[in-house]
Amino acid sequence: MIKLLIVDDSALMRRQLSAIFEAEADFEIRLARNGREALEENCAFQPDVITLDINMPEMDGLTALSMMMAERPVPVVMISSLTEKGALATFEALNLGAIDYVVKPGGTISLSLDAIGASIVSKVRMASKVRMKPARKAAPRQVEPRILPVAAIAAPRPPVLRRSAGRNGVVVIGVSTGGPRTLELILPSLPANFPWPVLVAQHMPASFTLTFAQRMNGLCAMQVVEASRPMILEPGTIYIAKGGADMQVVRRDGKPSVIVKPENPGFLWHPSVEVLGRSVLEHYDAAHVLAVMLTGMGCDGADAFAEIRKRGGRTIAESEESAVVFGMPAELIKRGGASVTLHAEKIALQINSWIEC
């Protein structure tokens, strides 16, 4: 049995979520109405996994999450809204240690959770299997959480490096569950004069990717943009694939560019890492491609990245030690497609080292 704690201030949401998991027969469920009750149940019930709402009275979800990670770390799946405020709060929750998130299809109070019931169950099952790692040290939040605007986010800037690499290459990154936190560990360590564009396919809904790109732009020395329209690829720029679509590399007036295409129904996950990786191979010499496979469930991009290595490109798979979910990197390794396997903390150093050559 999987011990699940459902935390939501809405009685309707608690009933809907309970019904979804009661139908699965292998969940032992307990309910909490706010963050304070969640903290008590985390110690008393000792759940294997928690679904946690963000906006609640008495103690909000972010405050409760911070204290859980300090007192008894447990896999948490956040229940979020589609609003910009909901996206910002979700990214803060992932940074605090949440494993994944579910977006309410109908806003703060959703009447259509059944439509995404299978996705919710899948994410909670996956989260229950995650081995919790020590959370980043942070003082428990004792006041109403404040989401800082992008301009106020401070991050140390990496030094400008002298580059000998040509400017005709590209870095492509595939990532899913656990990705935002991992990308925040890697991308800010790339210098402003990085000589290649960086393309990121992070599985994420359409309403989240612009907020995520803005957040990353405040953390990184490189410019970070959401690829929501045709764009010529420029060195020193990170392109975040728009959610709800697929990003592809094309040639426009002879120059490498990215375009946004509707989700390809032949692939399960979007923005699709596989679609992006295949398009990169069509327009770049593989010797000038560096592909990085980070944390995530499933096998998206494993075939394309393995082909990149086979044709002479260089590839990195995140190690099981640091990956929140080892699915996508493991599939790349299984296909013989990883040039190296590295802890997330060492990936930026390897990228910088290779691109300098």
Protein backbone atom coordinates (compact mmCIF):
# COMPACT_ATOMS: atom_id res chain seq x y z
CA MET A 1 0.00 0.00 0.00
CA ILE A 2 1.10 3.54 -0.77
CA LYS A 3 0.39 5.92 2.10
CA LEU A 4 -0.90 9.16 0.57
CA LEU A 5 -1.62 12.42 2.34
CA ILE A 6 -3.91 14.80 0.39
CA VAL A 7 -3.60 18.43 1.50
CA ASP A 8 -6.13 20.97 0.21
CA ASP A 9 -8.32 23.59 1.87
CA SER A 10 -11.21 22.89 -0.52
CA ALA A 11 -13.54 20.08 0.64
CA LEU A 12 -14.53 19.58 -3.01
CA MET A 13 -10.92 19.13 -4.12
CA ARG A 14 -10.24 16.71 -1.26
CA ARG A 15 -13.27 14.64 -2.28
CA GLN A 16 -12.27 14.63 -5.95
CA LEU A 17 -8.68 13.65 -5.26
CA SER A 18 -9.74 11.00 -2.73
CA ALA A 19 -12.12 9.45 -5.27
CA ILE A 20 -9.39 9.27 -7.90
CA PHE A 21 -7.02 7.38 -5.61
CA GLU A 22 -9.65 5.24 -3.87
CA ALA A 23 -10.43 3.77 -7.30
CA GLU A 24 -6.84 2.49 -7.47
CA ALA A 25 -7.25 0.18 -4.44
CA ASP A 26 -3.59 0.31 -3.39
CA PHE A 27 -3.59 3.72 -1.67
CA GLU A 28 -4.11 4.33 2.02
CA ILE A 29 -5.40 7.91 2.15
CA ARG A 30 -5.48 10.57 4.82
CA LEU A 31 -6.63 14.18 4.43
CA ALA A 32 -5.43 17.55 5.71
CA ARG A 33 -7.04 20.99 5.26
CA ASN A 34 -4.00 23.26 5.51
CA GLY A 35 -0.24 23.37 5.99
CA ARG A 36 -0.35 23.06 9.76
CA GLU A 37 -2.41 19.87 9.60
CA ALA A 38 -0.08 18.60 6.88
CA LEU A 39 2.94 19.01 9.13
CA GLU A 40 1.18 17.12 11.93
CA GLU A 41 0.13 14.29 9.61
CA ASN A 42 3.59 14.10 8.03
CA CYS A 43 4.92 13.05 11.43
CA ALA A 44 1.92 11.06 12.69
CA PHE A 45 0.83 9.28 9.48
CA GLN A 46 4.31 9.08 7.93
CA PRO A 47 3.03 9.18 4.33
CA ASP A 48 5.03 7.83 1.40
CA VAL A 49 3.92 10.75 -0.77
CA ILE A 50 1.92 13.98 -0.38
CA THR A 51 -0.22 16.04 -2.76
CA LEU A 52 -0.01 19.63 -1.59
CA ASP A 53 -2.09 22.66 -2.53
CA ILE A 54 -0.32 26.03 -2.65
CA ASN A 55 -2.96 28.55 -1.51
CA MET A 56 -4.37 27.60 1.90
CA PRO A 57 -5.33 29.42 5.10
CA GLU A 58 -3.38 29.25 8.38
CA MET A 59 -0.27 27.92 6.61
CA ASP A 60 0.24 27.93 2.84
CA GLY A 61 1.76 25.09 0.85
CA LEU A 62 5.18 26.69 0.33
CA THR A 63 5.67 27.32 4.04
CA ALA A 64 4.56 23.78 4.86
CA LEU A 65 6.82 22.32 2.16
CA SER A 66 9.85 24.18 3.49
CA MET A 67 9.20 22.87 7.00
CA MET A 68 8.54 19.32 5.80
CA MET A 69 11.88 19.23 4.02
CA ALA A 70 13.59 20.34 7.22
CA GLU A 71 11.70 18.00 9.58
CA ARG A 72 10.81 14.86 7.60
CA PRO A 73 11.61 15.00 3.88
CA VAL A 74 8.93 13.27 1.83
CA PRO A 75 8.12 13.20 -1.90
CA VAL A 76 5.61 15.98 -2.63
CA VAL A 77 3.52 16.61 -5.74
CA MET A 78 2.24 20.20 -5.81
CA ILE A 79 -1.31 21.01 -6.94
CA SER A 80 -1.02 24.23 -8.94
CA SER A 81 -3.17 26.62 -10.95
CA LEU A 82 -2.54 27.74 -14.53
CA THR A 83 -2.04 31.39 -13.56
CA GLU A 84 1.30 33.24 -13.70
CA LYS A 85 1.25 33.47 -9.90
CA GLY A 86 0.61 29.73 -9.75
CA ALA A 87 3.56 29.08 -12.06
CA LEU A 88 5.93 31.24 -9.99
CA ALA A 89 4.86 29.51 -6.78
CA THR A 90 5.28 26.10 -8.43
CA PHE A 91 8.86 26.86 -9.45
CA GLU A 92 9.63 27.99 -5.90
CA ALA A 93 8.13 24.73 -4.61
CA LEU A 94 10.30 22.67 -6.98
CA ASN A 95 13.32 24.61 -5.78
CA LEU A 96 12.38 23.82 -2.17
CA GLY A 97 12.30 20.10 -2.94
CA ALA A 98 8.92 19.16 -4.44
CA ILE A 99 9.19 16.29 -6.92
CA ASP A 100 6.53 17.27 -9.45
CA TYR A 101 3.34 19.23 -9.93
CA VAL A 102 -0.18 18.78 -11.25
CA VAL A 103 -1.91 21.70 -12.98
CA LYS A 104 -5.60 22.04 -12.16
CA PRO A 105 -7.41 22.10 -15.52
CA GLY A 106 -10.10 24.46 -14.20
CA GLY A 107 -8.11 26.90 -12.10
CA THR A 108 -8.06 27.24 -8.30
CA ILE A 109 -11.19 25.11 -7.82
CA SER A 110 -11.27 22.50 -10.56
CA LEU A 111 -14.46 20.66 -11.47
CA SER A 112 -12.72 18.49 -14.08
CA LEU A 113 -9.95 16.66 -12.24
CA ASP A 114 -11.27 13.36 -13.61
CA ALA A 115 -9.97 14.44 -17.02
CA ILE A 116 -6.41 14.27 -15.74
CA GLY A 117 -6.93 11.51 -13.18
CA ALA A 118 -4.56 9.08 -14.89
CA SER A 119 -1.82 11.72 -15.03
CA ILE A 120 -2.26 12.55 -11.34
CA VAL A 121 -2.05 8.89 -10.31
CA SER A 122 1.00 8.32 -12.51
CA LYS A 123 2.86 11.31 -11.05
CA VAL A 124 2.00 10.35 -7.47
CA ARG A 125 3.07 6.72 -8.00
CA MET A 126 6.35 7.88 -9.52
CA ALA A 127 6.95 10.35 -6.70
CA SER A 128 6.32 7.69 -4.04
CA LYS A 129 9.31 5.75 -5.40
CA VAL A 130 11.73 8.67 -5.29
CA ARG A 131 14.51 8.37 -2.76
CA MET A 132 14.56 11.73 -1.05
CA LYS A 133 17.90 13.52 -1.01
CA PRO A 134 18.90 16.16 1.54
CA ALA A 135 17.07 19.37 0.69
CA ARG A 136 18.88 22.63 0.13
CA LYS A 137 19.21 24.29 3.48
CA ALA A 138 16.62 26.96 3.99
CA ALA A 139 15.14 28.53 7.10
CA PRO A 140 11.53 27.46 7.66
CA ARG A 141 9.17 30.04 6.21
CA GLN A 142 7.35 31.73 9.09
CA VAL A 143 5.63 34.47 7.12
CA GLU A 144 3.41 34.72 4.07
CA PRO A 145 5.65 33.65 1.16
CA ARG A 146 6.77 36.39 -1.20
CA ILE A 147 7.55 35.53 -4.81
CA LEU A 148 10.43 37.73 -5.93
CA PRO A 149 10.18 39.37 -9.35
CA VAL A 150 12.72 38.11 -11.87
CA ALA A 151 14.77 41.31 -11.60
CA ALA A 152 15.19 40.74 -7.87
CA ILE A 153 16.58 37.21 -8.15
CA ALA A 154 20.28 37.38 -7.41
CA ALA A 155 22.75 34.81 -8.65
CA PRO A 156 26.54 34.78 -8.92
CA ARG A 157 27.58 35.33 -12.51
CA PRO A 158 30.15 32.94 -13.99
CA PRO A 159 33.32 34.57 -15.28
CA VAL A 160 33.68 35.42 -18.95
CA LEU A 161 35.84 32.75 -20.55
CA ARG A 162 38.10 32.96 -23.58
CA ARG A 163 36.70 30.68 -26.24
CA SER A 164 38.47 28.83 -29.01
CA ALA A 165 35.42 26.88 -30.22
CA GLY A 166 33.73 27.75 -33.49
CA ARG A 167 30.27 29.29 -33.48
CA ASN A 168 28.61 26.68 -35.65
CA GLY A 169 27.54 24.24 -32.95
CA VAL A 170 24.59 23.76 -30.61
CA VAL A 171 23.83 22.38 -27.16
CA VAL A 172 20.52 20.53 -26.81
CA ILE A 173 19.09 19.58 -23.41
CA GLY A 174 16.23 17.17 -22.71
CA VAL A 175 14.59 17.12 -19.28
CA SER A 176 11.32 16.32 -17.54
CA THR A 177 10.39 15.59 -13.92
CA GLY A 178 12.72 17.43 -11.55
CA GLY A 179 13.96 19.57 -14.42
CA PRO A 180 13.46 23.16 -13.25
CA ARG A 181 15.55 22.65 -10.14
CA THR A 182 18.25 20.78 -12.06
CA LEU A 183 18.38 23.41 -14.82
CA GLU A 184 18.76 26.10 -12.15
CA LEU A 185 21.85 24.20 -11.01
CA ILE A 186 23.39 23.95 -14.50
CA LEU A 187 22.45 26.85 -16.76
CA PRO A 188 23.56 29.74 -14.48
CA SER A 189 27.09 28.31 -14.65
CA LEU A 190 27.37 28.91 -18.40
CA PRO A 191 29.11 32.24 -19.19
CA ALA A 192 27.53 35.15 -21.02
CA ASN A 193 29.87 34.71 -24.02
CA PHE A 194 29.05 31.00 -24.43
CA PRO A 195 29.71 30.49 -28.17
CA TRP A 196 26.80 28.19 -29.03
CA PRO A 197 23.03 28.50 -28.62
CA VAL A 198 21.44 26.19 -26.03
CA LEU A 199 18.10 24.53 -26.79
CA VAL A 200 16.04 23.19 -23.88
CA ALA A 201 13.05 20.86 -24.21
CA GLN A 202 11.53 20.72 -20.71
CA HIS A 203 8.22 18.86 -20.43
CA MET A 204 5.93 21.63 -19.20
CA PRO A 205 2.46 23.09 -19.94
CA ALA A 206 2.11 26.08 -22.24
CA SER A 207 1.14 28.44 -19.44
CA PHE A 208 4.38 27.77 -17.52
CA THR A 209 7.23 28.05 -20.03
CA LEU A 210 7.24 31.85 -20.41
CA THR A 211 7.35 32.30 -16.64
CA PHE A 212 10.10 29.69 -16.43
CA ALA A 213 12.16 31.40 -19.14
CA GLN A 214 11.79 34.76 -17.37
CA ARG A 215 12.84 33.20 -14.09
CA MET A 216 15.90 31.59 -15.69
CA ASN A 217 16.80 34.84 -17.44
CA GLY A 218 17.13 36.41 -14.01
CA LEU A 219 19.45 33.63 -12.86
CA CYS A 220 21.69 33.14 -15.91
CA ALA A 221 24.52 35.13 -17.45
CA MET A 222 23.27 34.01 -20.87
CA GLN A 223 20.06 35.47 -22.25
CA VAL A 224 17.09 33.11 -21.77
CA VAL A 225 14.00 33.31 -23.98
CA GLU A 226 10.88 31.26 -24.61
CA ALA A 227 10.93 30.03 -28.21
CA SER A 228 7.31 30.96 -28.94
CA ARG A 229 7.88 32.09 -32.55
CA PRO A 230 10.47 31.56 -35.31
CA MET A 231 13.87 32.70 -34.06
CA ILE A 232 17.36 32.69 -35.58
CA LEU A 233 19.73 30.84 -33.26
CA GLU A 234 22.28 33.15 -31.68
CA PRO A 235 25.32 32.27 -29.54
CA GLY A 236 25.00 33.19 -25.89
CA THR A 237 21.23 32.55 -25.85
CA ILE A 238 19.21 29.78 -24.18
CA TYR A 239 15.95 28.87 -25.94
CA ILE A 240 13.23 27.28 -23.78
CA ALA A 241 10.77 25.28 -25.91
CA LYS A 242 7.23 26.60 -25.59
CA GLY A 243 4.95 24.25 -23.70
CA GLY A 244 2.04 22.64 -25.50
CA ALA A 245 4.08 22.49 -28.72
CA ASP A 246 7.28 21.06 -30.19
CA MET A 247 10.42 23.03 -31.00
CA GLN A 248 12.29 22.14 -34.20
CA VAL A 249 15.49 23.37 -35.80
CA VAL A 250 15.19 24.55 -39.42
CA ARG A 251 17.19 26.73 -41.84
CA ARG A 252 15.78 30.16 -42.66
CA ASP A 253 17.75 32.21 -45.19
CA GLY A 254 20.59 29.76 -44.67
CA LYS A 255 20.74 30.34 -40.91
CA PRO A 256 19.91 27.79 -38.17
CA SER A 257 16.63 28.79 -36.54
CA VAL A 258 13.93 27.32 -34.35
CA ILE A 259 10.24 27.18 -35.10
CA VAL A 260 7.21 26.13 -33.05
CA LYS A 261 5.13 23.24 -34.36
CA PRO A 262 1.90 21.73 -32.97
CA GLU A 263 2.44 18.72 -30.72
CA ASN A 264 3.33 15.69 -32.84
CA PRO A 265 0.78 13.00 -31.84
CA GLY A 266 3.35 10.32 -32.59
CA PHE A 267 5.22 11.21 -29.39
CA LEU A 268 4.03 10.95 -25.79
CA TRP A 269 5.81 13.87 -24.16
CA HIS A 270 5.92 17.56 -25.08
CA PRO A 271 7.79 19.68 -25.83
CA SER A 272 9.33 16.58 -27.42
CA VAL A 273 13.03 15.96 -26.85
CA GLU A 274 13.00 13.36 -29.62
CA VAL A 275 11.53 15.76 -32.19
CA LEU A 276 14.06 18.44 -31.22
CA GLY A 277 17.01 16.03 -31.30
CA ARG A 278 16.10 14.65 -34.73
CA SER A 279 15.74 18.14 -36.17
CA VAL A 280 19.15 19.11 -34.77
CA LEU A 281 20.71 16.18 -36.64
CA GLU A 282 19.11 17.37 -39.89
CA HIS A 283 20.79 20.77 -39.73
CA TYR A 284 24.02 20.34 -37.75
CA ASP A 285 27.10 18.19 -38.17
CA ALA A 286 26.86 15.84 -35.17
CA ALA A 287 30.51 16.63 -34.34
CA HIS A 288 29.28 20.12 -33.46
CA VAL A 289 26.43 18.95 -31.24
CA LEU A 290 26.51 18.47 -27.47
CA ALA A 291 23.42 16.72 -26.08
CA VAL A 292 22.55 16.56 -22.38
CA MET A 293 19.90 14.21 -20.96
CA LEU A 294 18.68 15.17 -17.51
CA THR A 295 16.20 13.83 -14.96
CA GLY A 296 12.82 12.62 -16.19
CA MET A 297 10.42 9.72 -16.50
CA GLY A 298 10.22 7.74 -19.72
CA CYS A 299 12.52 7.57 -22.75
CA ASP A 300 11.88 10.83 -24.63
CA GLY A 301 14.92 11.77 -26.72
CA ALA A 302 16.96 8.65 -25.98
CA ASP A 303 16.98 7.45 -29.60
CA ALA A 304 17.86 10.85 -31.07
CA PHE A 305 20.62 11.50 -28.52
CA ALA A 306 22.07 8.01 -29.05
CA GLU A 307 22.17 8.76 -32.78
CA ILE A 308 23.97 12.05 -32.07
CA ARG A 309 26.70 10.13 -30.28
CA LYS A 310 26.82 7.45 -32.97
CA ARG A 311 27.47 10.13 -35.59
CA GLY A 312 30.32 11.69 -33.62
CA GLY A 313 28.59 14.08 -31.24
CA ARG A 314 29.19 14.29 -27.49
CA THR A 315 26.50 13.41 -24.95
CA ILE A 316 26.04 13.63 -21.20
CA ALA A 317 23.60 11.58 -19.12
CA GLU A 318 22.79 12.76 -15.60
CA SER A 319 23.77 10.15 -13.03
CA GLU A 320 21.31 8.15 -10.95
CA GLU A 321 22.88 9.71 -7.86
CA SER A 322 21.58 13.19 -8.67
CA ALA A 323 18.57 12.55 -10.94
CA VAL A 324 15.17 12.98 -9.30
CA VAL A 325 13.90 10.35 -11.76
CA PHE A 326 16.53 8.29 -13.57
CA GLY A 327 14.27 7.21 -16.46
CA MET A 328 15.41 9.39 -19.37
CA PRO A 329 19.17 9.30 -18.58
CA ALA A 330 18.97 5.55 -17.93
CA GLU A 331 17.37 4.97 -21.34
CA LEU A 332 20.14 6.92 -23.04
CA ILE A 333 22.79 4.91 -21.21
CA LYS A 334 20.98 1.66 -22.06
CA ARG A 335 21.21 2.55 -25.77
CA GLY A 336 24.94 3.20 -25.51
CA GLY A 337 24.28 6.85 -26.15
CA ALA A 338 26.10 8.50 -23.25
CA SER A 339 29.67 9.71 -23.76
CA VAL A 340 29.84 10.38 -20.01
CA THR A 341 27.54 10.01 -17.00
CA LEU A 342 27.83 12.84 -14.50
CA HIS A 343 26.30 14.19 -11.30
CA ALA A 344 24.21 17.29 -12.08
CA GLU A 345 26.68 19.49 -10.19
CA LYS A 346 29.46 18.55 -12.64
CA ILE A 347 27.57 18.91 -15.91
CA ALA A 348 28.11 22.64 -16.47
CA LEU A 349 31.84 22.21 -15.91
CA GLN A 350 31.94 19.45 -18.53
CA ILE A 351 29.95 21.52 -21.03
CA ASN A 352 32.28 24.49 -20.58
CA SER A 353 35.33 22.24 -20.90
CA TRP A 354 34.13 20.58 -24.12
CA ILE A 355 33.01 23.78 -25.84
CA GLU A 356 36.37 25.40 -25.11
CA CYS A 357 38.13 22.68 -27.10
